[in-house]
Amino acid sequence: MFMSNGDSYTVKDALDYLSKIEINNLHMTYHFNIRADERKSDIYPDANGVVNIILNDTPCGILKQSEEKFKLIYNLNDDDDFVVIISIKNSDPVRINLISCFPDEAKKRRREDV
């Protein structure tokens, strides 16, 4: 497993992999499928919709949570963000596990008082 800094993936690695992946590089975990199904609505996507977002959109934010786990933030509209937790399991070939997903308020990410 290649990691650019030797012992963990970086945000740059995650963005690079996300820009090049195809659907067969993504693995939906059981937990992810349950959460996506529970949270789907007129605003929030189902599991397939989340995959489409990952494949076609660039996250507006990304936070490293552990050596291989990242929190991706996608903006849906002025009020709503959607968060996807991923885990990079392999780099050649790229394998990314979709761990969880949940809605979030866009204002939590923005500082409108500045």
Protein backbone atom coordinates (compact mmCIF):
# COMPACT_ATOMS: atom_id res chain seq x y z
CA MET A 1 0.00 0.00 0.00
CA PHE A 2 1.69 3.23 -1.15
CA MET A 3 1.25 6.26 1.07
CA SER A 4 2.88 9.55 0.16
CA ASN A 5 4.25 10.25 3.64
CA GLY A 6 5.21 6.66 4.41
CA ASP A 7 2.74 5.72 7.13
CA SER A 8 -0.59 7.34 6.35
CA TYR A 9 -2.55 8.85 3.48
CA THR A 10 -2.62 12.63 3.13
CA VAL A 11 -5.46 14.93 2.11
CA LYS A 12 -3.58 15.37 -1.18
CA ASP A 13 -3.60 11.58 -1.70
CA ALA A 14 -7.33 11.43 -0.99
CA LEU A 15 -8.13 14.24 -3.45
CA ASP A 16 -5.89 12.66 -6.08
CA TYR A 17 -7.63 9.27 -5.75
CA LEU A 18 -11.08 10.87 -5.72
CA SER A 19 -10.31 12.69 -8.99
CA LYS A 20 -9.37 9.42 -10.76
CA ILE A 21 -11.70 6.75 -9.38
CA GLU A 22 -14.48 4.90 -11.12
CA ILE A 23 -17.49 3.20 -9.58
CA ASN A 24 -15.67 -0.14 -9.26
CA ASN A 25 -13.11 1.53 -6.92
CA LEU A 26 -15.86 2.28 -4.38
CA HIS A 27 -17.17 -0.24 -1.86
CA MET A 28 -20.37 0.54 0.04
CA THR A 29 -20.19 -0.90 3.54
CA TYR A 30 -23.24 -2.32 5.28
CA HIS A 31 -23.27 0.63 7.71
CA PHE A 32 -23.07 3.11 4.83
CA ASN A 33 -26.03 1.52 3.03
CA ILE A 34 -28.15 1.58 6.19
CA ARG A 35 -27.32 5.23 6.95
CA ALA A 36 -27.86 6.39 3.36
CA ASP A 37 -31.23 4.62 3.26
CA GLU A 38 -32.29 6.09 6.63
CA ARG A 39 -31.31 9.63 5.66
CA LYS A 40 -32.47 9.87 2.06
CA SER A 41 -35.03 12.60 1.44
CA ASP A 42 -35.98 15.22 -1.11
CA ILE A 43 -32.69 16.98 -0.27
CA TYR A 44 -30.36 14.14 0.73
CA PRO A 45 -29.42 11.40 -1.75
CA ASP A 46 -29.74 7.64 -1.44
CA ALA A 47 -26.64 5.41 -1.61
CA ASN A 48 -26.43 5.53 -5.42
CA GLY A 49 -26.85 9.31 -5.32
CA VAL A 50 -23.95 9.58 -2.87
CA VAL A 51 -21.78 7.52 -5.22
CA ASN A 52 -22.73 9.86 -8.09
CA ILE A 53 -21.75 12.87 -5.97
CA ILE A 54 -18.36 11.32 -5.15
CA LEU A 55 -17.72 10.45 -8.80
CA ASN A 56 -18.85 13.77 -10.28
CA ASP A 57 -18.39 16.53 -7.69
CA THR A 58 -15.42 18.01 -5.87
CA PRO A 59 -15.77 18.21 -2.10
CA CYS A 60 -15.84 21.74 -0.70
CA GLY A 61 -13.97 20.44 2.35
CA ILE A 62 -11.94 17.44 3.42
CA LEU A 63 -10.66 16.57 6.88
CA LYS A 64 -8.27 13.79 7.77
CA GLN A 65 -9.67 11.74 10.65
CA SER A 66 -7.09 8.95 10.91
CA GLU A 67 -4.34 7.30 8.87
CA GLU A 68 -6.74 6.19 6.16
CA LYS A 69 -10.08 7.81 7.05
CA PHE A 70 -11.35 11.13 5.67
CA LYS A 71 -14.44 13.29 6.11
CA LEU A 72 -15.63 14.69 2.76
CA ILE A 73 -17.98 17.67 2.78
CA TYR A 74 -20.16 18.34 -0.25
CA ASN A 75 -22.33 21.43 -0.56
CA LEU A 76 -25.88 20.63 -1.71
CA ASN A 77 -27.41 24.11 -1.56
CA ASP A 78 -27.18 27.37 0.44
CA ASP A 79 -28.37 25.70 3.64
CA ASP A 80 -27.31 22.07 3.37
CA ASP A 81 -24.07 20.12 3.23
CA PHE A 82 -23.70 16.37 2.96
CA VAL A 83 -20.84 14.58 4.70
CA VAL A 84 -19.37 11.29 3.52
CA ILE A 85 -16.83 9.35 5.59
CA ILE A 86 -14.42 7.29 3.48
CA SER A 87 -11.54 4.96 4.20
CA ILE A 88 -8.77 4.41 1.65
CA LYS A 89 -8.04 0.69 1.78
CA ASN A 90 -5.65 0.32 -1.13
CA SER A 91 -3.82 2.56 -3.58
CA ASP A 92 -3.00 0.13 -6.43
CA PRO A 93 -5.67 -0.53 -7.45
CA VAL A 94 -7.49 2.20 -5.55
CA ARG A 95 -10.13 0.86 -3.17
CA ILE A 96 -12.19 3.28 -1.13
CA ASN A 97 -14.71 2.10 1.44
CA LEU A 98 -17.74 4.31 2.00
CA ILE A 99 -18.17 4.21 5.78
CA SER A 100 -21.04 6.58 6.57
CA CYS A 101 -22.92 9.64 5.36
CA PHE A 102 -25.02 12.27 7.04
CA PRO A 103 -26.52 15.72 6.50
CA ASP A 104 -24.98 18.81 8.03
CA GLU A 105 -25.79 22.51 8.07
CA ALA A 106 -23.72 24.53 5.61
CA LYS A 107 -23.47 27.38 8.10
CA LYS A 108 -21.38 25.15 10.43
CA ARG A 109 -18.65 25.17 7.77
CA ARG A 110 -18.90 28.89 6.98
CA ARG A 111 -18.04 31.77 9.28
CA GLU A 112 -20.51 34.39 8.20
CA ASP A 113 -19.66 36.70 11.11
CA VAL A 114 -16.20 37.49 9.67
